[in-house]
N, C-alpha and C. Protein backbone atom coordinates (compact mmCIF):
# COMPACT_ATOMS: atom_id res chain seq x y z
N UNK A 1 -11.50 17.31 0.71
CA UNK A 1 -11.83 15.90 0.71
C UNK A 1 -11.44 15.31 2.06
N UNK A 2 -12.31 14.49 2.62
CA UNK A 2 -12.00 13.89 3.91
C UNK A 2 -11.00 12.75 3.72
N UNK A 3 -10.26 12.41 4.76
CA UNK A 3 -9.33 11.27 4.67
C UNK A 3 -10.04 9.96 4.30
N UNK A 4 -11.27 9.76 4.80
CA UNK A 4 -12.01 8.54 4.50
C UNK A 4 -12.39 8.49 3.01
N UNK A 5 -12.86 9.62 2.48
CA UNK A 5 -13.21 9.68 1.05
C UNK A 5 -11.98 9.43 0.19
N UNK A 6 -10.85 10.01 0.59
CA UNK A 6 -9.58 9.80 -0.14
C UNK A 6 -9.21 8.31 -0.14
N UNK A 7 -9.36 7.66 1.00
CA UNK A 7 -9.04 6.23 1.11
C UNK A 7 -9.97 5.41 0.21
N UNK A 8 -11.24 5.73 0.20
CA UNK A 8 -12.20 5.00 -0.62
C UNK A 8 -11.94 5.20 -2.11
N UNK A 9 -11.65 6.43 -2.51
CA UNK A 9 -11.35 6.70 -3.92
C UNK A 9 -10.04 6.04 -4.36
N UNK A 10 -9.06 6.03 -3.48
CA UNK A 10 -7.79 5.37 -3.79
C UNK A 10 -8.00 3.87 -3.97
N UNK A 11 -8.79 3.27 -3.08
CA UNK A 11 -9.07 1.83 -3.18
C UNK A 11 -9.83 1.51 -4.46
N UNK A 12 -10.80 2.33 -4.81
CA UNK A 12 -11.58 2.09 -6.03
C UNK A 12 -10.69 2.17 -7.27
N UNK A 13 -9.77 3.14 -7.28
CA UNK A 13 -8.86 3.29 -8.42
C UNK A 13 -7.93 2.08 -8.53
N UNK A 14 -7.42 1.61 -7.40
CA UNK A 14 -6.54 0.42 -7.43
C UNK A 14 -7.30 -0.83 -7.82
N UNK A 15 -8.49 -1.01 -7.24
CA UNK A 15 -9.27 -2.22 -7.46
C UNK A 15 -9.61 -2.40 -8.94
N UNK A 16 -9.84 -1.29 -9.62
CA UNK A 16 -10.25 -1.33 -11.02
C UNK A 16 -9.26 -2.12 -11.89
N UNK A 17 -7.97 -2.07 -11.55
CA UNK A 17 -6.96 -2.75 -12.37
C UNK A 17 -6.26 -3.90 -11.62
N UNK A 18 -6.73 -4.24 -10.44
CA UNK A 18 -6.12 -5.31 -9.65
C UNK A 18 -6.74 -6.66 -10.02
N UNK A 19 -6.37 -7.14 -11.19
CA UNK A 19 -6.94 -8.41 -11.65
C UNK A 19 -6.46 -9.60 -10.83
N UNK A 20 -5.29 -9.51 -10.23
CA UNK A 20 -4.79 -10.61 -9.40
C UNK A 20 -5.73 -10.85 -8.22
N UNK A 21 -6.03 -9.81 -7.46
CA UNK A 21 -6.92 -9.95 -6.30
C UNK A 21 -8.33 -10.35 -6.74
N UNK A 22 -8.81 -9.72 -7.80
CA UNK A 22 -10.16 -10.02 -8.29
C UNK A 22 -10.29 -11.48 -8.72
N UNK A 23 -9.29 -11.98 -9.46
CA UNK A 23 -9.37 -13.35 -9.97
C UNK A 23 -9.23 -14.41 -8.89
N UNK A 24 -8.74 -14.03 -7.72
CA UNK A 24 -8.68 -14.97 -6.59
C UNK A 24 -9.94 -14.89 -5.73
N UNK A 25 -10.90 -14.08 -6.15
CA UNK A 25 -12.16 -13.97 -5.41
C UNK A 25 -12.09 -13.08 -4.19
N UNK A 26 -11.07 -12.23 -4.12
CA UNK A 26 -10.95 -11.33 -2.96
C UNK A 26 -12.03 -10.28 -3.00
N UNK A 27 -12.34 -9.76 -1.81
CA UNK A 27 -13.32 -8.71 -1.64
C UNK A 27 -12.76 -7.71 -0.64
N UNK A 28 -12.95 -6.42 -0.91
CA UNK A 28 -12.57 -5.39 0.06
C UNK A 28 -13.72 -5.25 1.05
N UNK A 29 -13.48 -5.59 2.30
CA UNK A 29 -14.51 -5.53 3.33
C UNK A 29 -14.49 -4.21 4.10
N UNK A 30 -13.31 -3.57 4.15
CA UNK A 30 -13.17 -2.33 4.92
C UNK A 30 -11.97 -1.57 4.37
N UNK A 31 -12.13 -0.26 4.26
CA UNK A 31 -11.01 0.60 3.89
C UNK A 31 -11.11 1.88 4.70
N UNK A 32 -9.98 2.36 5.19
CA UNK A 32 -9.88 3.61 5.94
C UNK A 32 -8.43 4.07 5.81
N UNK A 33 -8.13 5.29 6.18
CA UNK A 33 -6.74 5.74 6.10
C UNK A 33 -5.81 4.81 6.91
N UNK A 34 -4.86 4.19 6.22
CA UNK A 34 -3.90 3.30 6.87
C UNK A 34 -4.44 1.95 7.27
N UNK A 35 -5.64 1.60 6.81
CA UNK A 35 -6.26 0.33 7.19
C UNK A 35 -6.96 -0.29 5.98
N UNK A 36 -6.98 -1.61 5.95
CA UNK A 36 -7.76 -2.33 4.95
C UNK A 36 -8.03 -3.74 5.44
N UNK A 37 -9.22 -4.22 5.12
CA UNK A 37 -9.58 -5.61 5.40
C UNK A 37 -10.07 -6.22 4.10
N UNK A 38 -9.43 -7.30 3.69
CA UNK A 38 -9.83 -8.05 2.50
C UNK A 38 -10.09 -9.49 2.89
N UNK A 39 -10.99 -10.14 2.17
CA UNK A 39 -11.27 -11.55 2.42
C UNK A 39 -11.23 -12.32 1.11
N UNK A 40 -11.05 -13.64 1.25
CA UNK A 40 -10.88 -14.50 0.08
C UNK A 40 -11.35 -15.91 0.42
N UNK A 41 -12.11 -16.53 -0.49
CA UNK A 41 -12.50 -17.92 -0.25
C UNK A 41 -11.35 -18.87 -0.60
N UNK A 42 -11.20 -19.92 0.17
CA UNK A 42 -10.22 -20.95 -0.14
C UNK A 42 -10.92 -21.98 -1.02
N UNK A 43 -10.51 -22.03 -2.28
CA UNK A 43 -11.12 -22.96 -3.23
C UNK A 43 -10.26 -24.22 -3.36
N UNK A 44 -10.82 -25.22 -4.01
CA UNK A 44 -10.08 -26.47 -4.22
C UNK A 44 -8.79 -26.25 -4.99
N UNK A 45 -8.77 -25.26 -5.89
CA UNK A 45 -7.58 -24.98 -6.69
C UNK A 45 -6.45 -24.36 -5.87
N UNK A 46 -6.74 -23.95 -4.63
CA UNK A 46 -5.74 -23.32 -3.77
C UNK A 46 -5.12 -24.29 -2.77
N UNK A 47 -5.53 -25.55 -2.82
CA UNK A 47 -5.05 -26.52 -1.84
C UNK A 47 -3.72 -27.13 -2.29
N UNK A 48 -2.85 -27.34 -1.30
CA UNK A 48 -1.55 -27.96 -1.59
C UNK A 48 -1.64 -29.48 -1.39
N UNK A 49 -0.51 -30.14 -1.39
CA UNK A 49 -0.46 -31.59 -1.26
C UNK A 49 -0.91 -32.12 0.08
N UNK A 50 -1.06 -31.24 1.07
CA UNK A 50 -1.56 -31.64 2.39
C UNK A 50 -3.06 -31.41 2.52
N UNK A 51 -3.68 -30.88 1.45
CA UNK A 51 -5.11 -30.61 1.49
C UNK A 51 -5.47 -29.34 2.23
N UNK A 52 -4.49 -28.46 2.44
CA UNK A 52 -4.73 -27.17 3.11
C UNK A 52 -4.36 -26.04 2.15
N UNK A 53 -4.75 -24.84 2.50
CA UNK A 53 -4.49 -23.70 1.63
C UNK A 53 -2.98 -23.48 1.47
N UNK A 54 -2.53 -23.40 0.24
CA UNK A 54 -1.12 -23.15 -0.07
C UNK A 54 -0.71 -21.80 0.54
N UNK A 55 0.44 -21.76 1.16
CA UNK A 55 0.92 -20.54 1.81
C UNK A 55 1.05 -19.36 0.88
N UNK A 56 1.31 -19.60 -0.39
CA UNK A 56 1.41 -18.52 -1.35
C UNK A 56 0.11 -17.75 -1.51
N UNK A 57 -1.02 -18.45 -1.41
CA UNK A 57 -2.31 -17.76 -1.49
C UNK A 57 -2.58 -16.95 -0.23
N UNK A 58 -2.19 -17.48 0.91
CA UNK A 58 -2.35 -16.73 2.17
C UNK A 58 -1.48 -15.48 2.12
N UNK A 59 -0.25 -15.62 1.65
CA UNK A 59 0.65 -14.47 1.50
C UNK A 59 0.04 -13.44 0.55
N UNK A 60 -0.53 -13.90 -0.56
CA UNK A 60 -1.12 -12.98 -1.54
C UNK A 60 -2.28 -12.20 -0.93
N UNK A 61 -3.12 -12.85 -0.16
CA UNK A 61 -4.22 -12.16 0.52
C UNK A 61 -3.67 -11.10 1.47
N UNK A 62 -2.69 -11.47 2.28
CA UNK A 62 -2.09 -10.52 3.23
C UNK A 62 -1.43 -9.36 2.49
N UNK A 63 -0.74 -9.67 1.40
CA UNK A 63 -0.06 -8.65 0.62
C UNK A 63 -1.06 -7.68 -0.02
N UNK A 64 -2.19 -8.18 -0.46
CA UNK A 64 -3.21 -7.31 -1.04
C UNK A 64 -3.81 -6.38 0.02
N UNK A 65 -4.08 -6.90 1.21
CA UNK A 65 -4.59 -6.04 2.29
C UNK A 65 -3.57 -4.97 2.64
N UNK A 66 -2.30 -5.36 2.73
CA UNK A 66 -1.20 -4.42 2.97
C UNK A 66 -1.19 -3.34 1.89
N UNK A 67 -1.32 -3.73 0.63
CA UNK A 67 -1.27 -2.78 -0.48
C UNK A 67 -2.40 -1.76 -0.39
N UNK A 68 -3.60 -2.21 -0.09
CA UNK A 68 -4.72 -1.27 -0.01
C UNK A 68 -4.60 -0.35 1.20
N UNK A 69 -4.04 -0.86 2.30
CA UNK A 69 -3.85 -0.01 3.48
C UNK A 69 -2.82 1.08 3.21
N UNK A 70 -1.68 0.72 2.65
CA UNK A 70 -0.61 1.72 2.48
C UNK A 70 -0.86 2.64 1.30
N UNK A 71 -1.77 2.30 0.41
CA UNK A 71 -2.11 3.16 -0.72
C UNK A 71 -3.36 4.00 -0.46
N UNK A 72 -3.79 4.09 0.77
CA UNK A 72 -5.05 4.76 1.12
C UNK A 72 -4.95 6.28 1.23
N UNK A 73 -3.79 6.84 0.94
CA UNK A 73 -3.59 8.29 1.06
C UNK A 73 -3.49 8.99 -0.30
N UNK A 74 -3.87 8.30 -1.38
CA UNK A 74 -3.76 8.82 -2.74
C UNK A 74 -2.32 9.14 -3.12
N UNK A 75 -1.43 8.31 -2.65
CA UNK A 75 -0.03 8.34 -3.07
C UNK A 75 0.29 6.94 -3.55
N UNK A 76 1.13 6.84 -4.59
CA UNK A 76 1.53 5.51 -5.06
C UNK A 76 2.56 4.94 -4.09
N UNK A 77 2.28 3.73 -3.61
CA UNK A 77 3.13 3.08 -2.62
C UNK A 77 3.37 1.64 -3.06
N UNK A 78 4.60 1.18 -2.93
CA UNK A 78 4.97 -0.19 -3.28
C UNK A 78 5.57 -0.89 -2.06
N UNK A 79 5.63 -2.20 -2.15
CA UNK A 79 6.25 -2.99 -1.08
C UNK A 79 7.76 -2.90 -1.19
N UNK A 80 8.39 -2.73 -0.06
CA UNK A 80 9.85 -2.74 0.01
C UNK A 80 10.34 -4.08 0.55
N UNK A 81 9.61 -4.60 1.53
CA UNK A 81 9.95 -5.90 2.13
C UNK A 81 8.73 -6.43 2.84
N UNK A 82 8.53 -7.75 2.78
CA UNK A 82 7.42 -8.39 3.48
C UNK A 82 7.92 -9.65 4.16
N UNK A 83 7.27 -9.97 5.28
CA UNK A 83 7.60 -11.19 6.02
C UNK A 83 6.30 -11.79 6.52
N UNK A 84 6.21 -13.11 6.51
CA UNK A 84 5.00 -13.77 7.00
C UNK A 84 5.38 -14.94 7.90
N UNK A 85 4.57 -15.16 8.92
CA UNK A 85 4.71 -16.31 9.79
C UNK A 85 3.37 -17.05 9.78
N UNK A 86 3.40 -18.32 9.41
CA UNK A 86 2.19 -19.14 9.35
C UNK A 86 1.99 -19.81 10.71
N UNK A 87 0.76 -19.72 11.22
CA UNK A 87 0.46 -20.25 12.55
C UNK A 87 -0.54 -21.40 12.53
N UNK A 88 -1.42 -21.41 11.53
CA UNK A 88 -2.43 -22.47 11.43
C UNK A 88 -2.80 -22.61 9.95
N UNK A 89 -3.30 -23.77 9.56
CA UNK A 89 -3.66 -23.95 8.15
C UNK A 89 -4.97 -23.27 7.78
N UNK A 90 -5.03 -22.80 6.54
CA UNK A 90 -6.31 -22.37 5.97
C UNK A 90 -7.01 -23.61 5.45
N UNK A 91 -8.29 -23.71 5.70
CA UNK A 91 -9.04 -24.91 5.34
C UNK A 91 -9.81 -24.72 4.04
N UNK A 92 -10.05 -25.82 3.36
CA UNK A 92 -10.85 -25.80 2.14
C UNK A 92 -12.24 -25.24 2.43
N UNK A 93 -12.74 -24.45 1.52
CA UNK A 93 -14.11 -23.91 1.57
C UNK A 93 -14.37 -22.92 2.69
N UNK A 94 -13.33 -22.38 3.32
CA UNK A 94 -13.56 -21.33 4.29
C UNK A 94 -13.13 -19.99 3.70
N UNK A 95 -13.59 -18.91 4.27
CA UNK A 95 -13.22 -17.57 3.83
C UNK A 95 -12.17 -17.04 4.81
N UNK A 96 -11.00 -16.69 4.28
CA UNK A 96 -9.93 -16.10 5.08
C UNK A 96 -10.07 -14.58 5.03
N UNK A 97 -9.71 -13.94 6.12
CA UNK A 97 -9.78 -12.48 6.22
C UNK A 97 -8.43 -11.94 6.64
N UNK A 98 -7.97 -10.92 5.92
CA UNK A 98 -6.69 -10.26 6.23
C UNK A 98 -6.99 -8.82 6.63
N UNK A 99 -6.55 -8.45 7.82
CA UNK A 99 -6.77 -7.10 8.35
C UNK A 99 -5.42 -6.42 8.49
N UNK A 100 -5.23 -5.34 7.72
CA UNK A 100 -3.97 -4.59 7.71
C UNK A 100 -4.14 -3.30 8.48
N UNK A 101 -3.16 -3.00 9.33
CA UNK A 101 -3.19 -1.78 10.15
C UNK A 101 -1.82 -1.12 10.11
N UNK A 102 -1.84 0.17 9.82
CA UNK A 102 -0.60 0.95 9.79
C UNK A 102 -0.02 1.06 11.21
N UNK A 103 1.27 0.78 11.33
CA UNK A 103 1.97 0.92 12.60
C UNK A 103 2.82 2.17 12.65
N UNK A 104 3.35 2.57 11.50
CA UNK A 104 4.22 3.74 11.42
C UNK A 104 4.23 4.25 9.99
N UNK A 105 4.22 5.57 9.83
CA UNK A 105 4.35 6.19 8.52
C UNK A 105 5.17 7.45 8.71
N UNK A 106 6.41 7.40 8.23
CA UNK A 106 7.33 8.52 8.39
C UNK A 106 8.01 8.78 7.05
N UNK A 107 7.85 9.98 6.54
CA UNK A 107 8.44 10.29 5.24
C UNK A 107 7.89 9.36 4.18
N UNK A 108 8.77 8.70 3.45
CA UNK A 108 8.36 7.79 2.37
C UNK A 108 8.22 6.34 2.83
N UNK A 109 8.46 6.06 4.11
CA UNK A 109 8.46 4.68 4.61
C UNK A 109 7.29 4.41 5.54
N UNK A 110 6.75 3.20 5.44
CA UNK A 110 5.67 2.80 6.33
C UNK A 110 5.85 1.37 6.79
N UNK A 111 5.24 1.05 7.92
CA UNK A 111 5.24 -0.30 8.47
C UNK A 111 3.79 -0.67 8.73
N UNK A 112 3.39 -1.83 8.21
CA UNK A 112 2.00 -2.30 8.32
C UNK A 112 1.99 -3.74 8.82
N UNK A 113 1.13 -4.02 9.79
CA UNK A 113 0.94 -5.38 10.27
C UNK A 113 -0.38 -5.91 9.75
N UNK A 114 -0.37 -7.16 9.31
CA UNK A 114 -1.56 -7.81 8.76
C UNK A 114 -1.78 -9.11 9.52
N UNK A 115 -3.00 -9.30 9.97
CA UNK A 115 -3.39 -10.54 10.63
C UNK A 115 -4.38 -11.25 9.73
N UNK A 116 -4.07 -12.50 9.38
CA UNK A 116 -4.96 -13.32 8.57
C UNK A 116 -5.66 -14.29 9.51
N UNK A 117 -6.99 -14.32 9.43
CA UNK A 117 -7.78 -15.19 10.31
C UNK A 117 -8.69 -16.08 9.48
N UNK A 118 -9.08 -17.20 10.11
CA UNK A 118 -10.06 -18.10 9.51
C UNK A 118 -11.45 -17.71 9.95
N UNK A 119 -12.44 -18.39 9.41
CA UNK A 119 -13.84 -18.06 9.73
C UNK A 119 -14.15 -18.22 11.21
N UNK A 120 -13.45 -19.11 11.88
CA UNK A 120 -13.71 -19.34 13.31
C UNK A 120 -12.90 -18.40 14.20
N UNK A 121 -12.16 -17.46 13.60
CA UNK A 121 -11.40 -16.48 14.37
C UNK A 121 -9.97 -16.88 14.68
N UNK A 122 -9.58 -18.12 14.33
CA UNK A 122 -8.21 -18.52 14.63
C UNK A 122 -7.24 -17.73 13.76
N UNK A 123 -6.06 -17.48 14.30
CA UNK A 123 -5.04 -16.75 13.55
C UNK A 123 -4.33 -17.72 12.62
N UNK A 124 -4.38 -17.42 11.33
CA UNK A 124 -3.75 -18.25 10.31
C UNK A 124 -2.30 -17.80 10.09
N UNK A 125 -2.09 -16.47 10.02
CA UNK A 125 -0.75 -15.95 9.74
C UNK A 125 -0.63 -14.51 10.22
N UNK A 126 0.61 -14.13 10.51
CA UNK A 126 0.96 -12.74 10.83
C UNK A 126 1.96 -12.27 9.79
N UNK A 127 1.71 -11.11 9.23
CA UNK A 127 2.48 -10.58 8.11
C UNK A 127 2.90 -9.16 8.47
N UNK A 128 4.13 -8.80 8.17
CA UNK A 128 4.59 -7.42 8.33
C UNK A 128 5.10 -6.94 6.98
N UNK A 129 4.58 -5.79 6.56
CA UNK A 129 4.98 -5.20 5.29
C UNK A 129 5.64 -3.85 5.50
N UNK A 130 6.74 -3.65 4.81
CA UNK A 130 7.42 -2.36 4.80
C UNK A 130 7.14 -1.72 3.45
N UNK A 131 6.69 -0.48 3.46
CA UNK A 131 6.29 0.19 2.23
C UNK A 131 7.20 1.35 1.89
N UNK A 132 7.15 1.73 0.62
CA UNK A 132 7.93 2.88 0.14
C UNK A 132 7.05 3.67 -0.82
N UNK A 133 6.89 4.95 -0.56
CA UNK A 133 6.11 5.83 -1.42
C UNK A 133 6.95 6.23 -2.63
N UNK A 134 6.32 6.18 -3.80
CA UNK A 134 6.98 6.59 -5.05
C UNK A 134 6.18 7.77 -5.63
N UNK A 135 6.63 8.31 -6.74
CA UNK A 135 5.94 9.45 -7.35
C UNK A 135 4.62 9.02 -7.96
N UNK A 136 3.62 9.89 -7.81
CA UNK A 136 2.33 9.69 -8.47
C UNK A 136 1.17 9.56 -7.50
N UNK A 137 -0.03 9.66 -8.08
CA UNK A 137 -1.27 9.54 -7.32
C UNK A 137 -2.20 8.56 -8.04
N UNK A 138 -3.19 8.07 -7.31
CA UNK A 138 -4.18 7.18 -7.89
C UNK A 138 -5.21 7.94 -8.69
N UNK A 139 -5.49 9.17 -8.30
CA UNK A 139 -6.46 10.01 -9.00
C UNK A 139 -6.04 11.47 -8.84
N UNK A 140 -6.50 12.30 -9.78
CA UNK A 140 -6.20 13.74 -9.72
C UNK A 140 -6.86 14.36 -8.50
N UNK A 141 -6.08 15.10 -7.77
CA UNK A 141 -6.61 15.73 -6.56
C UNK A 141 -5.88 17.04 -6.35
N UNK A 142 -6.66 18.08 -6.12
CA UNK A 142 -6.04 19.37 -5.80
C UNK A 142 -5.48 19.28 -4.39
N UNK A 143 -4.26 19.73 -4.24
CA UNK A 143 -3.64 19.75 -2.93
C UNK A 143 -4.02 21.05 -2.22
N UNK A 144 -4.54 20.93 -1.02
CA UNK A 144 -4.87 22.11 -0.22
C UNK A 144 -3.77 22.37 0.78
N UNK A 145 -3.68 23.61 1.17
CA UNK A 145 -2.63 23.96 2.13
C UNK A 145 -3.21 24.40 3.44
């Protein structure tokens, strides 16, 4: 199995039960080994008291992109620590995009950077996720040597 096929099958297996991302209108735009891009529309229900996208929704989008990127090797991976810095507001009725890229993967630990952008390309937030691999796989796969 190619690494790309493994990443796609892992994403499909995760997506099937990821009701949180699905119910927020997220879409997987790109998946590859150690990479994922997800997008999400900012709806009226996501606006805070300032009329901008609540930071929790931006964090959730970034966290979902991080999850799909670090789970792209058919190994179960969870978040160990995440940090986000907000740089600009998400606007009502725009589609936000989170692009996650693996920076390091050593043993059971990984580091992933996620950039959240608005439709006009402005940077909304920068997110760093630290991952930890646990036992299990997303789908049955024969291990080759």
